[in-house]
Each structure stands twice: as C-alpha cells, then as structure tokens.
Amino acid sequence: MRWRDGTSSSSLLALFGVIGIVVQFMGSDSATTALFGPVAIALAKAMGRPPEPFVVTVAMAAVAATLTPLAHHNLLIYGPGGYRFNDYLRVGAPLTLVVAIVVAFMAPLLWR
C-alpha cells in the first residue's frame, strides 16, 4: 500500500516503530504508548488511513525493548540469570529488528 507521496506504509510504520523503540528506552512502555498512541491516531487520520496499524506499531515498539537490560522486564532476569549487558545487545538487536520488520509489514495487511 502506498501513500500519496509514494512512500510505502511499511516504511512509514517502520520509522514510527524505531522512534517508539528509542523513546521507550528513556521511559517506560506504558508511557511510550500513552505518548505516541494519540500521535499515531492523528497521523493516520490526517493521511486518511485506518489508525489500527499505527497504534499496533506503537504498542509493539513499546514492548519489544530487548536491546538492553534497562527495560523493567529485562531487569528481572539480568542479575539472577548472570547475564552481561552485551548479551542483551547480541540477542536483543536481531530480535528487535525481526519484530520491527514483521510488525511494519503485517500491520497494514491485517488492519486495512
């Protein structure tokens, strides 16, 4: 699906997801969703698109924070599991990339 200017919906959603992931590291997943949810809805409405793909992308970006142990759910296993910071980067970076790509391509297909 393409927008009026020729940009694909998947590329716009991927960009929106990356911004959400970066912001999530500075706050919490619920704060990121609360902050970017209304922005996603407004952007979708302004572009004449359904808001669901944008909201799902924001929600997935907020909870897919596996790049570092700084997210609260990662901190629970960081100490007891004996993990190091680099372990999260080594496993979390590819996992976050896969989640971002899957969401960016599937969200527009599932919610039209």
Protein backbone atom coordinates (compact mmCIF):
# COMPACT_ATOMS: atom_id res chain seq x y z
CA MET A 1 0.00 0.00 0.00
CA ARG A 2 1.41 3.41 -0.92
CA TRP A 3 0.68 6.89 0.38
CA ARG A 4 0.02 9.88 -1.82
CA ASP A 5 3.70 10.84 -1.99
CA GLY A 6 4.78 7.31 -2.98
CA THR A 7 6.05 6.28 0.45
CA SER A 8 5.08 2.74 1.37
CA SER A 9 3.05 2.23 4.51
CA SER A 10 5.56 -0.32 5.77
CA SER A 11 8.45 2.13 5.63
CA LEU A 12 6.46 4.78 7.49
CA LEU A 13 5.38 2.26 10.12
CA ALA A 14 8.97 1.01 10.49
CA LEU A 15 10.16 4.57 11.07
CA PHE A 16 7.38 5.12 13.60
CA GLY A 17 8.37 1.86 15.32
CA VAL A 18 12.04 2.80 15.54
CA ILE A 19 11.14 6.13 17.11
CA GLY A 20 8.91 4.31 19.60
CA ILE A 21 11.69 1.85 20.49
CA VAL A 22 14.19 4.65 21.06
CA VAL A 23 11.75 6.64 23.21
CA GLN A 24 10.88 3.52 25.21
CA PHE A 25 14.47 3.31 26.47
CA MET A 26 14.11 6.76 28.01
CA GLY A 27 10.86 5.94 29.81
CA SER A 28 8.51 3.05 30.21
CA ASP A 29 6.48 1.03 27.77
CA SER A 30 3.18 2.39 29.06
CA ALA A 31 4.44 5.98 28.90
CA THR A 32 5.64 5.46 25.33
CA THR A 33 2.25 4.06 24.33
CA ALA A 34 0.40 6.87 26.09
CA LEU A 35 2.62 9.47 24.42
CA PHE A 36 2.70 8.09 20.88
CA GLY A 37 -0.75 6.47 20.71
CA PRO A 38 -2.60 9.75 20.12
CA VAL A 39 0.13 10.89 17.73
CA ALA A 40 -0.27 7.67 15.74
CA ILE A 41 -4.05 8.09 15.57
CA ALA A 42 -3.78 11.73 14.47
CA LEU A 43 -1.19 10.88 11.82
CA ALA A 44 -3.35 8.07 10.44
CA LYS A 45 -6.44 10.27 10.32
CA ALA A 46 -4.51 13.10 8.64
CA MET A 47 -3.34 10.68 5.97
CA GLY A 48 -6.79 9.16 5.52
CA ARG A 49 -5.68 5.73 6.73
CA PRO A 50 -7.07 3.44 9.43
CA PRO A 51 -5.38 4.08 12.80
CA GLU A 52 -5.05 0.43 13.83
CA PRO A 53 -1.72 -0.31 12.04
CA PHE A 54 -0.17 2.78 13.61
CA VAL A 55 -1.43 2.02 17.11
CA VAL A 56 -0.30 -1.62 16.88
CA THR A 57 3.13 -0.48 15.72
CA VAL A 58 3.42 1.88 18.68
CA ALA A 59 2.31 -0.81 21.13
CA MET A 60 4.73 -3.38 19.73
CA ALA A 61 7.59 -0.89 19.70
CA ALA A 62 6.93 -0.14 23.35
CA VAL A 63 7.05 -3.77 24.46
CA ALA A 64 9.77 -5.05 22.14
CA ALA A 65 12.57 -3.47 24.13
CA THR A 66 15.09 -6.29 24.25
CA LEU A 67 18.16 -4.34 23.17
CA THR A 68 19.33 -3.60 26.72
CA PRO A 69 18.54 -4.81 30.24
CA LEU A 70 17.18 -1.37 31.12
CA ALA A 71 13.56 -2.29 30.45
CA HIS A 72 11.80 -3.45 33.59
CA HIS A 73 11.02 -6.95 32.33
CA ASN A 74 14.67 -7.44 31.32
CA LEU A 75 15.94 -6.29 34.71
CA LEU A 76 14.07 -9.12 36.40
CA ILE A 77 16.37 -11.72 34.87
CA TYR A 78 19.54 -9.65 34.46
CA GLY A 79 21.07 -10.31 37.88
CA PRO A 80 19.74 -13.79 38.74
CA GLY A 81 20.48 -15.09 35.23
CA GLY A 82 24.08 -13.88 35.31
CA TYR A 83 23.70 -12.04 32.04
CA ARG A 84 26.00 -9.26 30.89
CA PHE A 85 24.99 -6.07 29.09
CA ASN A 86 26.47 -7.34 25.80
CA ASP A 87 24.32 -10.48 25.98
CA TYR A 88 21.26 -8.31 25.53
CA LEU A 89 22.79 -6.49 22.58
CA ARG A 90 23.88 -9.71 20.90
CA VAL A 91 20.47 -11.39 21.18
CA GLY A 92 18.19 -8.35 21.54
CA ALA A 93 19.30 -6.43 18.47
CA PRO A 94 18.35 -9.15 15.96
CA LEU A 95 15.17 -9.93 17.87
CA THR A 96 14.10 -6.28 17.91
CA LEU A 97 14.90 -5.98 14.22
CA VAL A 98 12.82 -9.05 13.37
CA VAL A 99 9.87 -7.80 15.44
CA ALA A 100 10.07 -4.34 13.83
CA ILE A 101 10.14 -5.78 10.30
CA VAL A 102 7.29 -8.23 10.92
CA VAL A 103 5.08 -5.57 12.52
CA ALA A 104 5.84 -2.99 9.82
CA PHE A 105 4.83 -5.38 7.05
CA MET A 106 2.00 -7.26 8.75
CA ALA A 107 0.13 -4.39 10.44
CA PRO A 108 -1.01 -2.77 7.17
CA LEU A 109 -2.09 -6.15 5.82
CA LEU A 110 -4.09 -7.16 8.88
CA TRP A 111 -5.75 -3.78 9.50
CA ARG A 112 -6.85 -2.10 6.29
